[in-house]
Amino acid sequence: MAVKFECVNVSSKDPERLARFYETIGVRVSVQDPNYDGWQLRNADGEPYVCVWDEHKRGEVHCGLHNDCP
């Protein structure tokens, strides 16, 4: 079975503030929604990345695929 690692999900109670922090230390932040309801930390196209979600809108991120914890 081939598995491709795409991203790690992280939830934040203040995703906009977290994005500003990463920008100040030089990390590329890709925001798709002006309300910061989901954004990404990326190095280059095609590499694994970190997805950050608004915990108030989407809930807290838990372990496992599709939130299935062992």
PDB file of N, CA and C in Angstrom:
ATOM      1  N   MET A   1       0.846  -1.180   0.000  1.00  0.00           N
ATOM      2  CA  MET A   1       0.000   0.000   0.000  1.00  0.00           C
ATOM      3  C   MET A   1       0.887   1.237   0.000  1.00  0.00           C
ATOM      4  N   ALA A   2       0.674   2.132  -0.937  1.00  0.00           N
ATOM      5  CA  ALA A   2       1.415   3.390  -1.006  1.00  0.00           C
ATOM      6  C   ALA A   2       0.683   4.447  -0.191  1.00  0.00           C
ATOM      7  N   VAL A   3       1.415   5.151   0.637  1.00  0.00           N
ATOM      8  CA  VAL A   3       0.835   6.199   1.460  1.00  0.00           C
ATOM      9  C   VAL A   3       1.621   7.478   1.223  1.00  0.00           C
ATOM     10  N   LYS A   4       0.907   8.568   1.008  1.00  0.00           N
ATOM     11  CA  LYS A   4       1.563   9.857   0.835  1.00  0.00           C
ATOM     12  C   LYS A   4       1.177  10.741   2.009  1.00  0.00           C
ATOM     13  N   PHE A   5       2.177  11.261   2.691  1.00  0.00           N
ATOM     14  CA  PHE A   5       1.949  12.179   3.799  1.00  0.00           C
ATOM     15  C   PHE A   5       1.702  13.563   3.216  1.00  0.00           C
ATOM     16  N   GLU A   6       0.528  14.124   3.465  1.00  0.00           N
ATOM     17  CA  GLU A   6       0.186  15.420   2.892  1.00  0.00           C
ATOM     18  C   GLU A   6       0.332  16.558   3.893  1.00  0.00           C
ATOM     19  N   CYS A   7      -0.289  16.413   5.083  1.00  0.00           N
ATOM     20  CA  CYS A   7      -0.237  17.513   6.034  1.00  0.00           C
ATOM     21  C   CYS A   7      -0.509  17.044   7.457  1.00  0.00           C
ATOM     22  N   VAL A   8      -0.228  17.943   8.382  1.00  0.00           N
ATOM     23  CA  VAL A   8      -0.533  17.764   9.800  1.00  0.00           C
ATOM     24  C   VAL A   8      -1.569  18.820  10.140  1.00  0.00           C
ATOM     25  N   ASN A   9      -2.649  18.443  10.813  1.00  0.00           N
ATOM     26  CA  ASN A   9      -3.687  19.388  11.213  1.00  0.00           C
ATOM     27  C   ASN A   9      -3.450  19.880  12.632  1.00  0.00           C
ATOM     28  N   VAL A  10      -3.595  21.188  12.814  1.00  0.00           N
ATOM     29  CA  VAL A  10      -3.440  21.834  14.105  1.00  0.00           C
ATOM     30  C   VAL A  10      -4.641  22.747  14.295  1.00  0.00           C
ATOM     31  N   SER A  11      -5.208  22.770  15.489  1.00  0.00           N
ATOM     32  CA  SER A  11      -6.293  23.713  15.765  1.00  0.00           C
ATOM     33  C   SER A  11      -5.752  24.828  16.650  1.00  0.00           C
ATOM     34  N   SER A  12      -6.340  26.014  16.518  1.00  0.00           N
ATOM     35  CA  SER A  12      -5.909  27.163  17.299  1.00  0.00           C
ATOM     36  C   SER A  12      -7.116  27.980  17.719  1.00  0.00           C
ATOM     37  N   LYS A  13      -7.086  28.489  18.934  1.00  0.00           N
ATOM     38  CA  LYS A  13      -8.156  29.373  19.396  1.00  0.00           C
ATOM     39  C   LYS A  13      -7.997  30.770  18.808  1.00  0.00           C
ATOM     40  N   ASP A  14      -6.807  31.090  18.301  1.00  0.00           N
ATOM     41  CA  ASP A  14      -6.554  32.389  17.672  1.00  0.00           C
ATOM     42  C   ASP A  14      -5.683  32.176  16.430  1.00  0.00           C
ATOM     43  N   PRO A  15      -6.269  31.621  15.345  1.00  0.00           N
ATOM     44  CA  PRO A  15      -5.477  31.278  14.162  1.00  0.00           C
ATOM     45  C   PRO A  15      -4.852  32.487  13.464  1.00  0.00           C
ATOM     46  N   GLU A  16      -5.483  33.651  13.516  1.00  0.00           N
ATOM     47  CA  GLU A  16      -4.896  34.832  12.885  1.00  0.00           C
ATOM     48  C   GLU A  16      -3.619  35.250  13.621  1.00  0.00           C
ATOM     49  N   ARG A  17      -3.640  35.242  14.922  1.00  0.00           N
ATOM     50  CA  ARG A  17      -2.444  35.587  15.715  1.00  0.00           C
ATOM     51  C   ARG A  17      -1.321  34.589  15.458  1.00  0.00           C
ATOM     52  N   LEU A  18      -1.659  33.309  15.365  1.00  0.00           N
ATOM     53  CA  LEU A  18      -0.661  32.280  15.089  1.00  0.00           C
ATOM     54  C   LEU A  18      -0.040  32.495  13.708  1.00  0.00           C
ATOM     55  N   ALA A  19      -0.849  32.883  12.718  1.00  0.00           N
ATOM     56  CA  ALA A  19      -0.333  33.162  11.376  1.00  0.00           C
ATOM     57  C   ALA A  19       0.645  34.331  11.414  1.00  0.00           C
ATOM     58  N   ARG A  20       0.296  35.399  12.138  1.00  0.00           N
ATOM     59  CA  ARG A  20       1.189  36.562  12.239  1.00  0.00           C
ATOM     60  C   ARG A  20       2.516  36.176  12.889  1.00  0.00           C
ATOM     61  N   PHE A  21       2.470  35.289  13.912  1.00  0.00           N
ATOM     62  CA  PHE A  21       3.699  34.835  14.548  1.00  0.00           C
ATOM     63  C   PHE A  21       4.609  34.145  13.537  1.00  0.00           C
ATOM     64  N   TYR A  22       4.058  33.206  12.780  1.00  0.00           N
ATOM     65  CA  TYR A  22       4.874  32.480  11.805  1.00  0.00           C
ATOM     66  C   TYR A  22       5.420  33.411  10.728  1.00  0.00           C
ATOM     67  N   GLU A  23       4.638  34.401  10.312  1.00  0.00           N
ATOM     68  CA  GLU A  23       5.129  35.352   9.314  1.00  0.00           C
ATOM     69  C   GLU A  23       6.309  36.160   9.857  1.00  0.00           C
ATOM     70  N   THR A  24       6.287  36.515  11.141  1.00  0.00           N
ATOM     71  CA  THR A  24       7.388  37.299  11.711  1.00  0.00           C
ATOM     72  C   THR A  24       8.689  36.519  11.780  1.00  0.00           C
ATOM     73  N   ILE A  25       8.617  35.185  11.822  1.00  0.00           N
ATOM     74  CA  ILE A  25       9.854  34.404  11.852  1.00  0.00           C
ATOM     75  C   ILE A  25      10.226  33.881  10.461  1.00  0.00           C
ATOM     76  N   GLY A  26       9.520  34.369   9.439  1.00  0.00           N
ATOM     77  CA  GLY A  26       9.902  34.071   8.062  1.00  0.00           C
ATOM     78  C   GLY A  26       9.301  32.834   7.436  1.00  0.00           C
ATOM     79  N   VAL A  27       8.286  32.254   8.054  1.00  0.00           N
ATOM     80  CA  VAL A  27       7.635  31.072   7.490  1.00  0.00           C
ATOM     81  C   VAL A  27       6.548  31.521   6.520  1.00  0.00           C
ATOM     82  N   ARG A  28       6.469  30.856   5.373  1.00  0.00           N
ATOM     83  CA  ARG A  28       5.453  31.178   4.367  1.00  0.00           C
ATOM     84  C   ARG A  28       4.075  30.739   4.865  1.00  0.00           C
ATOM     85  N   VAL A  29       3.164  31.675   4.976  1.00  0.00           N
ATOM     86  CA  VAL A  29       1.794  31.400   5.413  1.00  0.00           C
ATOM     87  C   VAL A  29       0.871  31.584   4.222  1.00  0.00           C
ATOM     88  N   SER A  30       0.074  30.575   3.916  1.00  0.00           N
ATOM     89  CA  SER A  30      -0.865  30.624   2.805  1.00  0.00           C
ATOM     90  C   SER A  30      -2.284  30.653   3.366  1.00  0.00           C
ATOM     91  N   VAL A  31      -2.938  31.812   3.265  1.00  0.00           N
ATOM     92  CA  VAL A  31      -4.282  31.997   3.811  1.00  0.00           C
ATOM     93  C   VAL A  31      -5.286  31.951   2.666  1.00  0.00           C
ATOM     94  N   GLN A  32      -6.238  31.011   2.736  1.00  0.00           N
ATOM     95  CA  GLN A  32      -7.247  30.904   1.693  1.00  0.00           C
ATOM     96  C   GLN A  32      -8.536  31.639   2.041  1.00  0.00           C
ATOM     97  N   ASP A  33      -8.704  31.975   3.299  1.00  0.00           N
ATOM     98  CA  ASP A  33      -9.929  32.602   3.778  1.00  0.00           C
ATOM     99  C   ASP A  33      -9.537  33.825   4.604  1.00  0.00           C
ATOM    100  N   PRO A  34     -10.044  35.015   4.280  1.00  0.00           N
ATOM    101  CA  PRO A  34      -9.665  36.216   5.022  1.00  0.00           C
ATOM    102  C   PRO A  34     -10.036  36.167   6.507  1.00  0.00           C
ATOM    103  N   ASN A  35     -10.887  35.238   6.895  1.00  0.00           N
ATOM    104  CA  ASN A  35     -11.255  35.069   8.299  1.00  0.00           C
ATOM    105  C   ASN A  35     -10.347  34.068   9.017  1.00  0.00           C
ATOM    106  N   TYR A  36      -9.311  33.598   8.333  1.00  0.00           N
ATOM    107  CA  TYR A  36      -8.356  32.627   8.873  1.00  0.00           C
ATOM    108  C   TYR A  36      -9.041  31.335   9.310  1.00  0.00           C
ATOM    109  N   ASP A  37     -10.116  30.961   8.602  1.00  0.00           N
ATOM    110  CA  ASP A  37     -10.800  29.696   8.878  1.00  0.00           C
ATOM    111  C   ASP A  37     -10.113  28.588   8.087  1.00  0.00           C
ATOM    112  N   GLY A  38      -8.846  28.408   8.357  1.00  0.00           N
ATOM    113  CA  GLY A  38      -8.049  27.413   7.667  1.00  0.00           C
ATOM    114  C   GLY A  38      -6.949  28.086   6.872  1.00  0.00           C
ATOM    115  N   TRP A  39      -5.707  27.808   7.218  1.00  0.00           N
ATOM    116  CA  TRP A  39      -4.564  28.323   6.476  1.00  0.00           C
ATOM    117  C   TRP A  39      -3.443  27.317   6.585  1.00  0.00           C
ATOM    118  N   GLN A  40      -2.358  27.528   5.841  1.00  0.00           N
ATOM    119  CA  GLN A  40      -1.300  26.526   5.769  1.00  0.00           C
ATOM    120  C   GLN A  40       0.072  27.150   5.945  1.00  0.00           C
ATOM    121  N   LEU A  41       0.971  26.377   6.544  1.00  0.00           N
ATOM    122  CA  LEU A  41       2.392  26.708   6.607  1.00  0.00           C
ATOM    123  C   LEU A  41       3.063  25.845   5.555  1.00  0.00           C
ATOM    124  N   ARG A  42       3.779  26.468   4.609  1.00  0.00           N
ATOM    125  CA  ARG A  42       4.385  25.713   3.505  1.00  0.00           C
ATOM    126  C   ARG A  42       5.825  26.149   3.276  1.00  0.00           C
ATOM    127  N   ASN A  43       6.657  25.208   2.825  1.00  0.00           N
ATOM    128  CA  ASN A  43       8.017  25.512   2.382  1.00  0.00           C
ATOM    129  C   ASN A  43       8.058  25.624   0.870  1.00  0.00           C
ATOM    130  N   ALA A  44       7.624  24.587   0.188  1.00  0.00           N
ATOM    131  CA  ALA A  44       7.639  24.568  -1.274  1.00  0.00           C
ATOM    132  C   ALA A  44       6.471  23.725  -1.759  1.00  0.00           C
ATOM    133  N   ASP A  45       6.095  23.928  -3.001  1.00  0.00           N
ATOM    134  CA  ASP A  45       4.986  23.150  -3.563  1.00  0.00           C
ATOM    135  C   ASP A  45       5.310  21.661  -3.547  1.00  0.00           C
ATOM    136  N   GLY A  46       4.332  20.870  -3.168  1.00  0.00           N
ATOM    137  CA  GLY A  46       4.493  19.424  -3.178  1.00  0.00           C
ATOM    138  C   GLY A  46       5.059  18.838  -1.898  1.00  0.00           C
ATOM    139  N   GLU A  47       5.567  19.672  -0.995  1.00  0.00           N
ATOM    140  CA  GLU A  47       6.094  19.156   0.264  1.00  0.00           C
ATOM    141  C   GLU A  47       4.972  19.090   1.303  1.00  0.00           C
ATOM    142  N   PRO A  48       5.112  18.216   2.301  1.00  0.00           N
ATOM    143  CA  PRO A  48       4.118  18.190   3.385  1.00  0.00           C
ATOM    144  C   PRO A  48       4.036  19.562   4.061  1.00  0.00           C
ATOM    145  N   TYR A  49       2.884  19.863   4.610  1.00  0.00           N
ATOM    146  CA  TYR A  49       2.667  21.170   5.219  1.00  0.00           C
ATOM    147  C   TYR A  49       1.824  21.039   6.482  1.00  0.00           C
ATOM    148  N   VAL A  50       1.656  22.151   7.198  1.00  0.00           N
ATOM    149  CA  VAL A  50       0.842  22.202   8.406  1.00  0.00           C
ATOM    150  C   VAL A  50      -0.432  22.975   8.080  1.00  0.00           C
ATOM    151  N   CYS A  51      -1.592  22.381   8.383  1.00  0.00           N
ATOM    152  CA  CYS A  51      -2.889  23.046   8.224  1.00  0.00           C
ATOM    153  C   CYS A  51      -3.323  23.547   9.593  1.00  0.00           C
ATOM    154  N   VAL A  52      -3.726  24.801   9.674  1.00  0.00           N
ATOM    155  CA  VAL A  52      -4.189  25.365  10.941  1.00  0.00           C
ATOM    156  C   VAL A  52      -5.652  25.744  10.784  1.00  0.00           C
ATOM    157  N   TRP A  53      -6.475  25.298  11.733  1.00  0.00           N
ATOM    158  CA  TRP A  53      -7.914  25.525  11.690  1.00  0.00           C
ATOM    159  C   TRP A  53      -8.367  26.340  12.887  1.00  0.00           C
ATOM    160  N   ASP A  54      -9.435  27.092  12.699  1.00  0.00           N
ATOM    161  CA  ASP A  54     -10.033  27.858  13.784  1.00  0.00           C
ATOM    162  C   ASP A  54     -10.800  26.887  14.687  1.00  0.00           C
ATOM    163  N   GLU A  55     -10.313  26.713  15.898  1.00  0.00           N
ATOM    164  CA  GLU A  55     -10.918  25.766  16.844  1.00  0.00           C
ATOM    165  C   GLU A  55     -12.353  26.136  17.185  1.00  0.00           C
ATOM    166  N   HIS A  56     -12.685  27.429  17.187  1.00  0.00           N
ATOM    167  CA  HIS A  56     -14.047  27.854  17.513  1.00  0.00           C
ATOM    168  C   HIS A  56     -15.044  27.476  16.418  1.00  0.00           C
ATOM    169  N   LYS A  57     -14.574  27.411  15.169  1.00  0.00           N
ATOM    170  CA  LYS A  57     -15.459  27.086  14.046  1.00  0.00           C
ATOM    171  C   LYS A  57     -15.482  25.608  13.707  1.00  0.00           C
ATOM    172  N   ARG A  58     -14.340  24.933  13.832  1.00  0.00           N
ATOM    173  CA  ARG A  58     -14.230  23.546  13.374  1.00  0.00           C
ATOM    174  C   ARG A  58     -14.000  22.538  14.496  1.00  0.00           C
ATOM    175  N   GLY A  59     -13.818  23.028  15.710  1.00  0.00           N
ATOM    176  CA  GLY A  59     -13.564  22.131  16.826  1.00  0.00           C
ATOM    177  C   GLY A  59     -12.075  21.846  16.968  1.00  0.00           C
ATOM    178  N   GLU A  60     -11.727  21.243  18.063  1.00  0.00           N
ATOM    179  CA  GLU A  60     -10.337  20.917  18.361  1.00  0.00           C
ATOM    180  C   GLU A  60      -9.885  19.722  17.540  1.00  0.00           C
ATOM    181  N   VAL A  61      -8.683  19.783  16.994  1.00  0.00           N
ATOM    182  CA  VAL A  61      -8.129  18.687  16.208  1.00  0.00           C
ATOM    183  C   VAL A  61      -7.654  17.594  17.166  1.00  0.00           C
ATOM    184  N   HIS A  62      -7.965  16.357  16.825  1.00  0.00           N
ATOM    185  CA  HIS A  62      -7.545  15.197  17.604  1.00  0.00           C
ATOM    186  C   HIS A  62      -6.684  14.282  16.750  1.00  0.00           C
ATOM    187  N   CYS A  63      -6.169  13.233  17.325  1.00  0.00           N
ATOM    188  CA  CYS A  63      -5.237  12.346  16.623  1.00  0.00           C
ATOM    189  C   CYS A  63      -5.918  11.462  15.592  1.00  0.00           C
ATOM    190  N   GLY A  64      -5.084  10.926  14.695  1.00  0.00           N
ATOM    191  CA  GLY A  64      -5.538   9.888  13.766  1.00  0.00           C
ATOM    192  C   GLY A  64      -6.163  10.419  12.490  1.00  0.00           C
ATOM    193  N   LEU A  65      -6.354   9.521  11.538  1.00  0.00           N
ATOM    194  CA  LEU A  65      -7.022   9.856  10.302  1.00  0.00           C
ATOM    195  C   LEU A  65      -8.509  10.072  10.571  1.00  0.00           C
ATOM    196  N   HIS A  66      -9.027  11.164  10.072  1.00  0.00           N
ATOM    197  CA  HIS A  66     -10.447  11.475  10.225  1.00  0.00           C
ATOM    198  C   HIS A  66     -10.862  11.444  11.690  1.00  0.00           C
ATOM    199  N   ASN A  67      -9.960  11.864  12.574  1.00  0.00           N
ATOM    200  CA  ASN A  67     -10.194  11.935  14.019  1.00  0.00           C
ATOM    201  C   ASN A  67     -10.453  10.577  14.656  1.00  0.00           C
ATOM    202  N   ASP A  68      -9.967   9.508  14.053  1.00  0.00           N
ATOM    203  CA  ASP A  68     -10.091   8.154  14.635  1.00  0.00           C
ATOM    204  C   ASP A  68      -8.849   7.885  15.472  1.00  0.00           C
ATOM    205  N   CYS A  69      -8.972   7.923  16.767  1.00  0.00           N
ATOM    206  CA  CYS A  69      -7.831   7.663  17.645  1.00  0.00           C
ATOM    207  C   CYS A  69      -7.791   6.187  18.025  1.00  0.00           C
ATOM    208  N   PRO A  70      -6.568   5.644  18.145  1.00  0.00           N
ATOM    209  CA  PRO A  70      -6.462   4.211  18.510  1.00  0.00           C
ATOM    210  C   PRO A  70      -6.944   3.941  19.918  1.00  0.00           C
TER     211      PRO A  70
END
